Amino acid sequence: METSMTDKICIVTGASSGIGITTAEGLAAQGATVVMACRDLEKSRPVQDQIKENTGSNKIDLLQLDLASLASIRDFANNFLETYPRLDVLINNAAIIPLSRQETQDGFESQFGVNHLGPFLLTHLLLDRIKESAPSRIVNVTSIMHHQGAIDFDNLQSEKKYGTLDAYRQSKLGNVLFTYELARRLEGSGVTVNCLHPGVVNTGIARSVPFFLQPLVKLAGKFFMLSPEQGAATSLYVSTSPDLDGITGKFFNESKETRSSKLSQDEDLAQRLWDVSENLTGIA
């Protein structure tokens, strides 16, 4: 069911590529003010213009956000809070999956830093405004690959051993654990927190596999993967559907509530990851 988002203010991280574009466009088409939170402003401006043209909406704003930098995240939050009176929907959409081990500006393994710690800090910095805007929603884009994930506290930064998919699965499990723990903490506040798997989407993922496999991935993308429009459908459903008013602490796949991994429901694990994340991001 489509709803009107007029007068709503929404943030979409990673809104200049993949399902971020179609998520931002879908919100704009429903009348929302959309803040595209993007790392590369030069690359993002043509996308911003395209969304305006496609939707006929001028309520598409662009703010710089680099989730690989705690300072950039703080700057973005300050800029947003100074500019906008409310925040109705925060969609933590951006994620990376580099082939080799890389580090963020603060020395974190890049997938753990960008995919988990970045959204963790960003959400915290905006939380008071989100609460003031209730009923409001926080939506975390994760992956069904969290089912194979584990949180290795002895190797959180993959310094002892690095595997691209292991690091990705860990970060995506972190998204689900964060979602559930935050939902518990915000119970009764009017703020809902849910996460979702967008499907296997044909975006830029071919760049993240070895070059000799790229033709195979592109072929699979053509015939078996979802389009970005199909991938964004679940993000838009969880962000806007009146059916989900008051529904919190859930995992969605193909716009249906689905059971997440057993490990993702471990409250002690979620609490431990929360405490570690607070310390690493300087919130504590």
C-alpha atoms as a PDB file:
ATOM      1  CA  MET A   1       0.000   0.000   0.000  1.00  0.00           C
ATOM      2  CA  GLU A   2       1.485   3.344  -1.018  1.00  0.00           C
ATOM      3  CA  THR A   3       1.221   6.237   1.357  1.00  0.00           C
ATOM      4  CA  SER A   4       1.807   9.974   1.202  1.00  0.00           C
ATOM      5  CA  MET A   5       5.058  11.137   2.772  1.00  0.00           C
ATOM      6  CA  THR A   6       4.327  14.851   2.365  1.00  0.00           C
ATOM      7  CA  ASP A   7       5.849  16.880   5.233  1.00  0.00           C
ATOM      8  CA  LYS A   8       8.097  13.936   6.159  1.00  0.00           C
ATOM      9  CA  ILE A   9      11.890  14.365   6.209  1.00  0.00           C
ATOM     10  CA  CYS A  10      13.961  11.313   5.373  1.00  0.00           C
ATOM     11  CA  ILE A  11      17.690  10.541   5.247  1.00  0.00           C
ATOM     12  CA  VAL A  12      19.018   7.855   2.883  1.00  0.00           C
ATOM     13  CA  THR A  13      22.714   7.006   3.240  1.00  0.00           C
ATOM     14  CA  GLY A  14      24.469   5.859   0.088  1.00  0.00           C
ATOM     15  CA  ALA A  15      21.739   7.487  -1.998  1.00  0.00           C
ATOM     16  CA  SER A  16      23.851   8.032  -5.120  1.00  0.00           C
ATOM     17  CA  SER A  17      24.170   4.396  -6.222  1.00  0.00           C
ATOM     18  CA  GLY A  18      22.361   1.059  -6.333  1.00  0.00           C
ATOM     19  CA  ILE A  19      19.181   0.699  -4.333  1.00  0.00           C
ATOM     20  CA  GLY A  20      19.957   3.977  -2.557  1.00  0.00           C
ATOM     21  CA  ILE A  21      18.992   5.884  -5.707  1.00  0.00           C
ATOM     22  CA  THR A  22      15.699   4.068  -6.170  1.00  0.00           C
ATOM     23  CA  THR A  23      14.906   4.310  -2.444  1.00  0.00           C
ATOM     24  CA  ALA A  24      15.465   8.079  -2.500  1.00  0.00           C
ATOM     25  CA  GLU A  25      13.438   8.393  -5.684  1.00  0.00           C
ATOM     26  CA  GLY A  26      10.577   6.336  -4.265  1.00  0.00           C
ATOM     27  CA  LEU A  27      10.399   8.519  -1.140  1.00  0.00           C
ATOM     28  CA  ALA A  28      10.506  11.682  -3.245  1.00  0.00           C
ATOM     29  CA  ALA A  29       7.705  10.373  -5.468  1.00  0.00           C
ATOM     30  CA  GLN A  30       5.568  10.026  -2.323  1.00  0.00           C
ATOM     31  CA  GLY A  31       6.181  13.666  -1.408  1.00  0.00           C
ATOM     32  CA  ALA A  32       8.957  13.376   1.177  1.00  0.00           C
ATOM     33  CA  THR A  33      11.859  15.739   1.623  1.00  0.00           C
ATOM     34  CA  VAL A  34      14.833  13.455   0.975  1.00  0.00           C
ATOM     35  CA  VAL A  35      18.316  14.146   2.265  1.00  0.00           C
ATOM     36  CA  MET A  36      20.831  12.189   0.211  1.00  0.00           C
ATOM     37  CA  ALA A  37      23.757  11.410   2.519  1.00  0.00           C
ATOM     38  CA  CYS A  38      26.649  10.703   0.154  1.00  0.00           C
ATOM     39  CA  ARG A  39      30.429  10.532   0.289  1.00  0.00           C
ATOM     40  CA  ASP A  40      31.213  12.019  -3.120  1.00  0.00           C
ATOM     41  CA  LEU A  41      29.204  15.182  -3.758  1.00  0.00           C
ATOM     42  CA  GLU A  42      30.472  15.671  -7.324  1.00  0.00           C
ATOM     43  CA  LYS A  43      29.360  12.167  -8.290  1.00  0.00           C
ATOM     44  CA  SER A  44      26.065  12.604  -6.443  1.00  0.00           C
ATOM     45  CA  ARG A  45      24.865  15.912  -7.909  1.00  0.00           C
ATOM     46  CA  PRO A  46      23.871  14.448 -11.301  1.00  0.00           C
ATOM     47  CA  VAL A  47      21.937  11.733  -9.421  1.00  0.00           C
ATOM     48  CA  GLN A  48      20.208  14.416  -7.353  1.00  0.00           C
ATOM     49  CA  ASP A  49      19.241  16.234 -10.560  1.00  0.00           C
ATOM     50  CA  GLN A  50      17.979  13.009 -12.126  1.00  0.00           C
ATOM     51  CA  ILE A  51      15.766  12.225  -9.121  1.00  0.00           C
ATOM     52  CA  LYS A  52      14.324  15.749  -9.263  1.00  0.00           C
ATOM     53  CA  GLU A  53      13.588  15.334 -12.955  1.00  0.00           C
ATOM     54  CA  ASN A  54      12.059  11.864 -12.570  1.00  0.00           C
ATOM     55  CA  THR A  55       9.813  12.808  -9.643  1.00  0.00           C
ATOM     56  CA  GLY A  56       9.057  16.477 -10.329  1.00  0.00           C
ATOM     57  CA  SER A  57      10.128  17.191  -6.757  1.00  0.00           C
ATOM     58  CA  ASN A  58      12.590  19.867  -5.702  1.00  0.00           C
ATOM     59  CA  LYS A  59      12.725  18.537  -2.141  1.00  0.00           C
ATOM     60  CA  ILE A  60      15.893  16.512  -2.789  1.00  0.00           C
ATOM     61  CA  ASP A  61      18.838  17.750  -0.750  1.00  0.00           C
ATOM     62  CA  LEU A  62      22.429  16.572  -0.679  1.00  0.00           C
ATOM     63  CA  LEU A  63      24.768  16.486   2.325  1.00  0.00           C
ATOM     64  CA  GLN A  64      28.284  15.089   2.519  1.00  0.00           C
ATOM     65  CA  LEU A  65      28.717  11.958   4.647  1.00  0.00           C
ATOM     66  CA  ASP A  66      31.697   9.628   4.699  1.00  0.00           C
ATOM     67  CA  LEU A  67      30.893   6.646   6.918  1.00  0.00           C
ATOM     68  CA  ALA A  68      34.605   5.765   6.939  1.00  0.00           C
ATOM     69  CA  SER A  69      35.258   8.845   9.093  1.00  0.00           C
ATOM     70  CA  LEU A  70      33.849   9.426  12.582  1.00  0.00           C
ATOM     71  CA  ALA A  71      34.576  13.156  12.144  1.00  0.00           C
ATOM     72  CA  SER A  72      32.581  13.248   8.893  1.00  0.00           C
ATOM     73  CA  ILE A  73      29.662  11.469  10.584  1.00  0.00           C
ATOM     74  CA  ARG A  74      29.673  14.060  13.382  1.00  0.00           C
ATOM     75  CA  ASP A  75      29.867  16.916  10.866  1.00  0.00           C
ATOM     76  CA  PHE A  76      26.954  15.485   8.889  1.00  0.00           C
ATOM     77  CA  ALA A  77      24.828  15.099  12.024  1.00  0.00           C
ATOM     78  CA  ASN A  78      25.582  18.674  13.100  1.00  0.00           C
ATOM     79  CA  ASN A  79      24.757  20.020   9.625  1.00  0.00           C
ATOM     80  CA  PHE A  80      21.504  18.086   9.505  1.00  0.00           C
ATOM     81  CA  LEU A  81      20.402  19.107  12.999  1.00  0.00           C
ATOM     82  CA  GLU A  82      21.102  22.787  12.263  1.00  0.00           C
ATOM     83  CA  THR A  83      19.133  22.669   8.998  1.00  0.00           C
ATOM     84  CA  TYR A  84      16.115  20.411   9.543  1.00  0.00           C
ATOM     85  CA  PRO A  85      13.496  20.648  12.298  1.00  0.00           C
ATOM     86  CA  ARG A  86      12.569  16.958  12.274  1.00  0.00           C
ATOM     87  CA  LEU A  87      13.636  13.500  11.106  1.00  0.00           C
ATOM     88  CA  ASP A  88      10.844  11.073  10.322  1.00  0.00           C
ATOM     89  CA  VAL A  89      12.786   8.266   8.618  1.00  0.00           C
ATOM     90  CA  LEU A  90      16.477   7.350   8.794  1.00  0.00           C
ATOM     91  CA  ILE A  91      17.493   4.677   6.281  1.00  0.00           C
ATOM     92  CA  ASN A  92      20.966   3.281   6.955  1.00  0.00           C
ATOM     93  CA  ASN A  93      21.440   1.929   3.451  1.00  0.00           C
ATOM     94  CA  ALA A  94      25.120   2.441   2.550  1.00  0.00           C
ATOM     95  CA  ALA A  95      27.508  -0.510   2.702  1.00  0.00           C
ATOM     96  CA  ILE A  96      30.764  -1.665   1.163  1.00  0.00           C
ATOM     97  CA  ILE A  97      32.378  -5.027   0.389  1.00  0.00           C
ATOM     98  CA  PRO A  98      36.033  -4.521  -0.626  1.00  0.00           C
ATOM     99  CA  LEU A  99      38.122  -7.453  -1.832  1.00  0.00           C
ATOM    100  CA  SER A 100      41.124  -6.843   0.417  1.00  0.00           C
ATOM    101  CA  ARG A 101      41.428  -5.683   3.999  1.00  0.00           C
ATOM    102  CA  GLN A 102      41.284  -1.894   4.180  1.00  0.00           C
ATOM    103  CA  GLU A 103      40.995   0.543   7.064  1.00  0.00           C
ATOM    104  CA  THR A 104      38.802   3.551   7.721  1.00  0.00           C
ATOM    105  CA  GLN A 105      40.280   6.934   8.611  1.00  0.00           C
ATOM    106  CA  ASP A 106      40.005   5.931  12.276  1.00  0.00           C
ATOM    107  CA  GLY A 107      41.828   2.615  11.809  1.00  0.00           C
ATOM    108  CA  PHE A 108      38.836   0.257  11.804  1.00  0.00           C
ATOM    109  CA  GLU A 109      38.571  -2.604   9.328  1.00  0.00           C
ATOM    110  CA  SER A 110      36.541  -0.927   6.603  1.00  0.00           C
ATOM    111  CA  GLN A 111      33.502  -3.235   6.473  1.00  0.00           C
ATOM    112  CA  PHE A 112      33.095  -3.266  10.253  1.00  0.00           C
ATOM    113  CA  GLY A 113      33.665   0.498  10.292  1.00  0.00           C
ATOM    114  CA  VAL A 114      31.456   1.565   7.378  1.00  0.00           C
ATOM    115  CA  ASN A 115      28.741  -1.095   7.554  1.00  0.00           C
ATOM    116  CA  HIS A 116      28.304  -1.277  11.338  1.00  0.00           C
ATOM    117  CA  LEU A 117      30.092   1.430  13.351  1.00  0.00           C
ATOM    118  CA  GLY A 118      29.145   4.225  10.925  1.00  0.00           C
ATOM    119  CA  PRO A 119      25.374   3.660  11.119  1.00  0.00           C
ATOM    120  CA  PHE A 120      25.681   2.988  14.875  1.00  0.00           C
ATOM    121  CA  LEU A 121      27.228   6.414  15.488  1.00  0.00           C
ATOM    122  CA  LEU A 122      25.053   8.255  12.964  1.00  0.00           C
ATOM    123  CA  THR A 123      21.863   6.872  14.500  1.00  0.00           C
ATOM    124  CA  HIS A 124      22.965   7.846  17.999  1.00  0.00           C
ATOM    125  CA  LEU A 125      23.815  11.405  16.981  1.00  0.00           C
ATOM    126  CA  LEU A 126      20.379  11.858  15.365  1.00  0.00           C
ATOM    127  CA  LEU A 127      18.370   9.935  17.948  1.00  0.00           C
ATOM    128  CA  ASP A 128      17.039  12.856  19.970  1.00  0.00           C
ATOM    129  CA  ARG A 129      15.667  14.486  16.803  1.00  0.00           C
ATOM    130  CA  ILE A 130      14.136  11.168  15.711  1.00  0.00           C
ATOM    131  CA  LYS A 131      12.436  10.795  19.112  1.00  0.00           C
ATOM    132  CA  GLU A 132      11.109  14.369  18.944  1.00  0.00           C
ATOM    133  CA  SER A 133       9.608  13.532  15.519  1.00  0.00           C
ATOM    134  CA  ALA A 134       7.799  10.370  16.651  1.00  0.00           C
ATOM    135  CA  PRO A 135       6.052   8.446  15.282  1.00  0.00           C
ATOM    136  CA  SER A 136       9.252   7.916  13.298  1.00  0.00           C
ATOM    137  CA  ARG A 137      11.255   5.046  11.834  1.00  0.00           C
ATOM    138  CA  ILE A 138      14.833   3.789  11.686  1.00  0.00           C
ATOM    139  CA  VAL A 139      15.476   1.294   8.887  1.00  0.00           C
ATOM    140  CA  ASN A 140      18.718  -0.680   8.644  1.00  0.00           C
ATOM    141  CA  VAL A 141      19.550  -2.408   5.369  1.00  0.00           C
ATOM    142  CA  THR A 142      21.316  -5.666   6.188  1.00  0.00           C
ATOM    143  CA  SER A 143      21.655  -8.954   4.284  1.00  0.00           C
ATOM    144  CA  ILE A 144      20.408 -12.501   4.466  1.00  0.00           C
ATOM    145  CA  MET A 145      24.122 -13.364   4.613  1.00  0.00           C
ATOM    146  CA  HIS A 146      24.014 -12.450   8.300  1.00  0.00           C
ATOM    147  CA  HIS A 147      22.773 -16.035   8.769  1.00  0.00           C
ATOM    148  CA  GLN A 148      26.354 -17.218   8.170  1.00  0.00           C
ATOM    149  CA  GLY A 149      27.834 -14.393  10.254  1.00  0.00           C
ATOM    150  CA  ALA A 150      29.495 -14.434  13.653  1.00  0.00           C
ATOM    151  CA  ILE A 151      30.895 -11.701  15.878  1.00  0.00           C
ATOM    152  CA  ASP A 152      34.534 -12.533  16.629  1.00  0.00           C
ATOM    153  CA  PHE A 153      35.463 -10.195  19.481  1.00  0.00           C
ATOM    154  CA  ASP A 154      39.060 -11.481  19.328  1.00  0.00           C
ATOM    155  CA  ASN A 155      39.283 -10.467  15.671  1.00  0.00           C
ATOM    156  CA  LEU A 156      36.689  -7.708  15.228  1.00  0.00           C
ATOM    157  CA  GLN A 157      39.004  -5.721  12.979  1.00  0.00           C
ATOM    158  CA  SER A 158      40.117  -8.780  10.963  1.00  0.00           C
ATOM    159  CA  GLU A 159      43.751  -8.133  11.890  1.00  0.00           C
ATOM    160  CA  LYS A 160      44.543 -11.776  12.588  1.00  0.00           C
ATOM    161  CA  LYS A 161      42.680 -13.152   9.608  1.00  0.00           C
ATOM    162  CA  TYR A 162      40.717 -11.448   6.827  1.00  0.00           C
ATOM    163  CA  GLY A 163      38.119 -12.877   4.518  1.00  0.00           C
ATOM    164  CA  THR A 164      35.984 -10.503   2.449  1.00  0.00           C
ATOM    165  CA  LEU A 165      32.774 -12.460   2.998  1.00  0.00           C
ATOM    166  CA  ASP A 166      33.549 -13.240   6.651  1.00  0.00           C
ATOM    167  CA  ALA A 167      33.971  -9.516   7.354  1.00  0.00           C
ATOM    168  CA  TYR A 168      30.812  -8.705   5.386  1.00  0.00           C
ATOM    169  CA  ARG A 169      28.734 -11.321   7.212  1.00  0.00           C
ATOM    170  CA  GLN A 170      30.013 -10.090  10.565  1.00  0.00           C
ATOM    171  CA  SER A 171      29.069  -6.490   9.719  1.00  0.00           C
ATOM    172  CA  LYS A 172      25.611  -7.514   8.507  1.00  0.00           C
ATOM    173  CA  LEU A 173      24.978  -9.590  11.636  1.00  0.00           C
ATOM    174  CA  GLY A 174      26.034  -6.472  13.537  1.00  0.00           C
ATOM    175  CA  ASN A 175      23.260  -4.550  11.743  1.00  0.00           C
ATOM    176  CA  VAL A 176      20.614  -7.021  12.920  1.00  0.00           C
ATOM    177  CA  LEU A 177      21.913  -7.149  16.502  1.00  0.00           C
ATOM    178  CA  PHE A 178      21.976  -3.334  16.587  1.00  0.00           C
ATOM    179  CA  THR A 179      18.423  -3.159  15.216  1.00  0.00           C
ATOM    180  CA  TYR A 180      17.013  -5.475  17.865  1.00  0.00           C
ATOM    181  CA  GLU A 181      18.907  -3.904  20.773  1.00  0.00           C
ATOM    182  CA  LEU A 182      17.928  -0.372  19.723  1.00  0.00           C
ATOM    183  CA  ALA A 183      14.296  -1.464  19.312  1.00  0.00           C
ATOM    184  CA  ARG A 184      14.330  -2.796  22.881  1.00  0.00           C
ATOM    185  CA  ARG A 185      15.835   0.431  24.204  1.00  0.00           C
ATOM    186  CA  LEU A 186      13.317   2.615  22.328  1.00  0.00           C
ATOM    187  CA  GLU A 187      10.234   0.632  23.313  1.00  0.00           C
ATOM    188  CA  GLY A 188       7.347   2.985  24.049  1.00  0.00           C
ATOM    189  CA  SER A 189       9.070   5.997  22.454  1.00  0.00           C
ATOM    190  CA  GLY A 190       7.058   5.962  19.225  1.00  0.00           C
ATOM    191  CA  VAL A 191      10.241   5.203  17.258  1.00  0.00           C
ATOM    192  CA  THR A 192      10.316   1.884  15.416  1.00  0.00           C
ATOM    193  CA  VAL A 193      13.538   0.150  14.358  1.00  0.00           C
ATOM    194  CA  ASN A 194      13.505  -2.582  11.724  1.00  0.00           C
ATOM    195  CA  CYS A 195      15.982  -4.170   9.337  1.00  0.00           C
ATOM    196  CA  LEU A 196      15.695  -5.825   5.969  1.00  0.00           C
ATOM    197  CA  HIS A 197      17.338  -7.883   3.264  1.00  0.00           C
ATOM    198  CA  PRO A 198      16.791  -6.111  -0.074  1.00  0.00           C
ATOM    199  CA  GLY A 199      17.294  -9.266  -2.127  1.00  0.00           C
ATOM    200  CA  VAL A 200      20.230 -10.185  -4.349  1.00  0.00           C
ATOM    201  CA  VAL A 201      20.369  -6.946  -6.287  1.00  0.00           C
ATOM    202  CA  ASN A 202      22.206  -6.278  -9.532  1.00  0.00           C
ATOM    203  CA  THR A 203      24.160  -3.184  -8.452  1.00  0.00           C
ATOM    204  CA  GLY A 204      27.904  -2.540  -8.462  1.00  0.00           C
ATOM    205  CA  ILE A 205      28.737  -5.792  -6.707  1.00  0.00           C
ATOM    206  CA  ALA A 206      30.582  -7.138  -9.774  1.00  0.00           C
ATOM    207  CA  ARG A 207      33.401  -4.749  -8.874  1.00  0.00           C
ATOM    208  CA  SER A 208      33.841  -6.559  -5.561  1.00  0.00           C
ATOM    209  CA  VAL A 209      34.662  -9.982  -6.990  1.00  0.00           C
ATOM    210  CA  PRO A 210      37.907 -11.148  -8.665  1.00  0.00           C
ATOM    211  CA  PHE A 211      38.181  -9.911 -12.255  1.00  0.00           C
ATOM    212  CA  PHE A 212      38.004 -13.426 -13.701  1.00  0.00           C
ATOM    213  CA  LEU A 213      34.592 -13.940 -12.051  1.00  0.00           C
ATOM    214  CA  GLN A 214      33.123 -10.594 -13.116  1.00  0.00           C
ATOM    215  CA  PRO A 215      31.651 -11.815 -16.436  1.00  0.00           C
ATOM    216  CA  LEU A 216      29.887 -14.610 -14.519  1.00  0.00           C
ATOM    217  CA  VAL A 217      28.488 -12.167 -11.964  1.00  0.00           C
ATOM    218  CA  LYS A 218      27.297  -9.816 -14.695  1.00  0.00           C
ATOM    219  CA  LEU A 219      25.593 -12.731 -16.459  1.00  0.00           C
ATOM    220  CA  ALA A 220      23.921 -13.767 -13.193  1.00  0.00           C
ATOM    221  CA  GLY A 221      22.896 -10.149 -12.690  1.00  0.00           C
ATOM    222  CA  LYS A 222      21.190 -10.045 -16.042  1.00  0.00           C
ATOM    223  CA  PHE A 223      19.141 -13.199 -15.536  1.00  0.00           C
ATOM    224  CA  PHE A 224      18.844 -13.967 -11.816  1.00  0.00           C
ATOM    225  CA  MET A 225      19.334 -10.836  -9.714  1.00  0.00           C
ATOM    226  CA  LEU A 226      16.746  -8.229  -8.809  1.00  0.00           C
ATOM    227  CA  SER A 227      16.826  -4.802 -10.392  1.00  0.00           C
ATOM    228  CA  PRO A 228      17.627  -1.874  -8.078  1.00  0.00           C
ATOM    229  CA  GLU A 229      13.922  -0.936  -8.313  1.00  0.00           C
ATOM    230  CA  GLN A 230      12.918  -4.387  -7.062  1.00  0.00           C
ATOM    231  CA  GLY A 231      15.612  -4.231  -4.381  1.00  0.00           C
ATOM    232  CA  ALA A 232      14.389  -0.870  -3.095  1.00  0.00           C
ATOM    233  CA  ALA A 233      10.813  -2.139  -2.778  1.00  0.00           C
ATOM    234  CA  THR A 234      11.406  -3.665   0.659  1.00  0.00           C
ATOM    235  CA  SER A 235      13.244  -0.550   1.896  1.00  0.00           C
ATOM    236  CA  LEU A 236      10.307   1.598   0.801  1.00  0.00           C
ATOM    237  CA  TYR A 237       7.764  -0.772   2.331  1.00  0.00           C
ATOM    238  CA  VAL A 238       9.515  -0.855   5.714  1.00  0.00           C
ATOM    239  CA  SER A 239      10.071   2.925   5.625  1.00  0.00           C
ATOM    240  CA  THR A 240       6.583   4.064   4.656  1.00  0.00           C
ATOM    241  CA  SER A 241       3.873   1.409   4.883  1.00  0.00           C
ATOM    242  CA  PRO A 242       1.027   2.190   7.308  1.00  0.00           C
ATOM    243  CA  ASP A 243       0.825  -1.592   7.817  1.00  0.00           C
ATOM    244  CA  LEU A 244       3.981  -1.313   9.930  1.00  0.00           C
ATOM    245  CA  ASP A 245       2.855   1.488  12.246  1.00  0.00           C
ATOM    246  CA  GLY A 246       4.119   0.485  15.692  1.00  0.00           C
ATOM    247  CA  ILE A 247       5.895  -2.644  14.400  1.00  0.00           C
ATOM    248  CA  THR A 248       9.475  -2.741  15.703  1.00  0.00           C
ATOM    249  CA  GLY A 249      12.449  -5.057  16.159  1.00  0.00           C
ATOM    250  CA  LYS A 250      11.705  -7.150  13.050  1.00  0.00           C
ATOM    251  CA  PHE A 251      13.592  -8.463  10.017  1.00  0.00           C
ATOM    252  CA  PHE A 252      11.998  -8.230   6.568  1.00  0.00           C
ATOM    253  CA  ASN A 253      12.716  -9.979   3.269  1.00  0.00           C
ATOM    254  CA  GLU A 254      10.669  -9.336   0.105  1.00  0.00           C
ATOM    255  CA  SER A 255       8.423  -7.018   2.146  1.00  0.00           C
ATOM    256  CA  LYS A 256       7.503  -9.849   4.503  1.00  0.00           C
ATOM    257  CA  GLU A 257       8.477 -10.296   8.128  1.00  0.00           C
ATOM    258  CA  THR A 258      10.970 -13.165   8.264  1.00  0.00           C
ATOM    259  CA  ARG A 259      12.931 -14.899  11.003  1.00  0.00           C
ATOM    260  CA  SER A 260      16.540 -13.792  11.305  1.00  0.00           C
ATOM    261  CA  SER A 261      19.385 -16.019  12.472  1.00  0.00           C
ATOM    262  CA  LYS A 262      19.381 -17.568  15.935  1.00  0.00           C
ATOM    263  CA  LEU A 263      22.604 -15.710  16.764  1.00  0.00           C
ATOM    264  CA  SER A 264      21.008 -12.373  15.859  1.00  0.00           C
ATOM    265  CA  GLN A 265      18.468 -12.921  18.652  1.00  0.00           C
ATOM    266  CA  ASP A 266      21.114 -13.367  21.361  1.00  0.00           C
ATOM    267  CA  GLU A 267      20.487 -10.423  23.698  1.00  0.00           C
ATOM    268  CA  ASP A 268      23.768 -10.877  25.591  1.00  0.00           C
ATOM    269  CA  LEU A 269      25.693 -10.774  22.301  1.00  0.00           C
ATOM    270  CA  ALA A 270      23.785  -7.644  21.234  1.00  0.00           C
ATOM    271  CA  GLN A 271      24.564  -5.936  24.546  1.00  0.00           C
ATOM    272  CA  ARG A 272      28.263  -6.814  24.304  1.00  0.00           C
ATOM    273  CA  LEU A 273      28.511  -5.547  20.721  1.00  0.00           C
ATOM    274  CA  TRP A 274      26.665  -2.372  21.757  1.00  0.00           C
ATOM    275  CA  ASP A 275      29.158  -1.698  24.570  1.00  0.00           C
ATOM    276  CA  VAL A 276      32.150  -2.299  22.285  1.00  0.00           C
ATOM    277  CA  SER A 277      30.620  -0.084  19.587  1.00  0.00           C
ATOM    278  CA  GLU A 278      30.010   2.736  22.073  1.00  0.00           C
ATOM    279  CA  ASN A 279      33.652   2.621  23.146  1.00  0.00           C
ATOM    280  CA  LEU A 280      35.012   2.486  19.591  1.00  0.00           C
ATOM    281  CA  THR A 281      32.878   5.407  18.394  1.00  0.00           C
ATOM    282  CA  GLY A 282      33.449   7.514  21.481  1.00  0.00           C
ATOM    283  CA  ILE A 283      29.807   7.639  22.538  1.00  0.00           C
ATOM    284  CA  ALA A 284      30.335   6.107  25.978  1.00  0.00           C
END
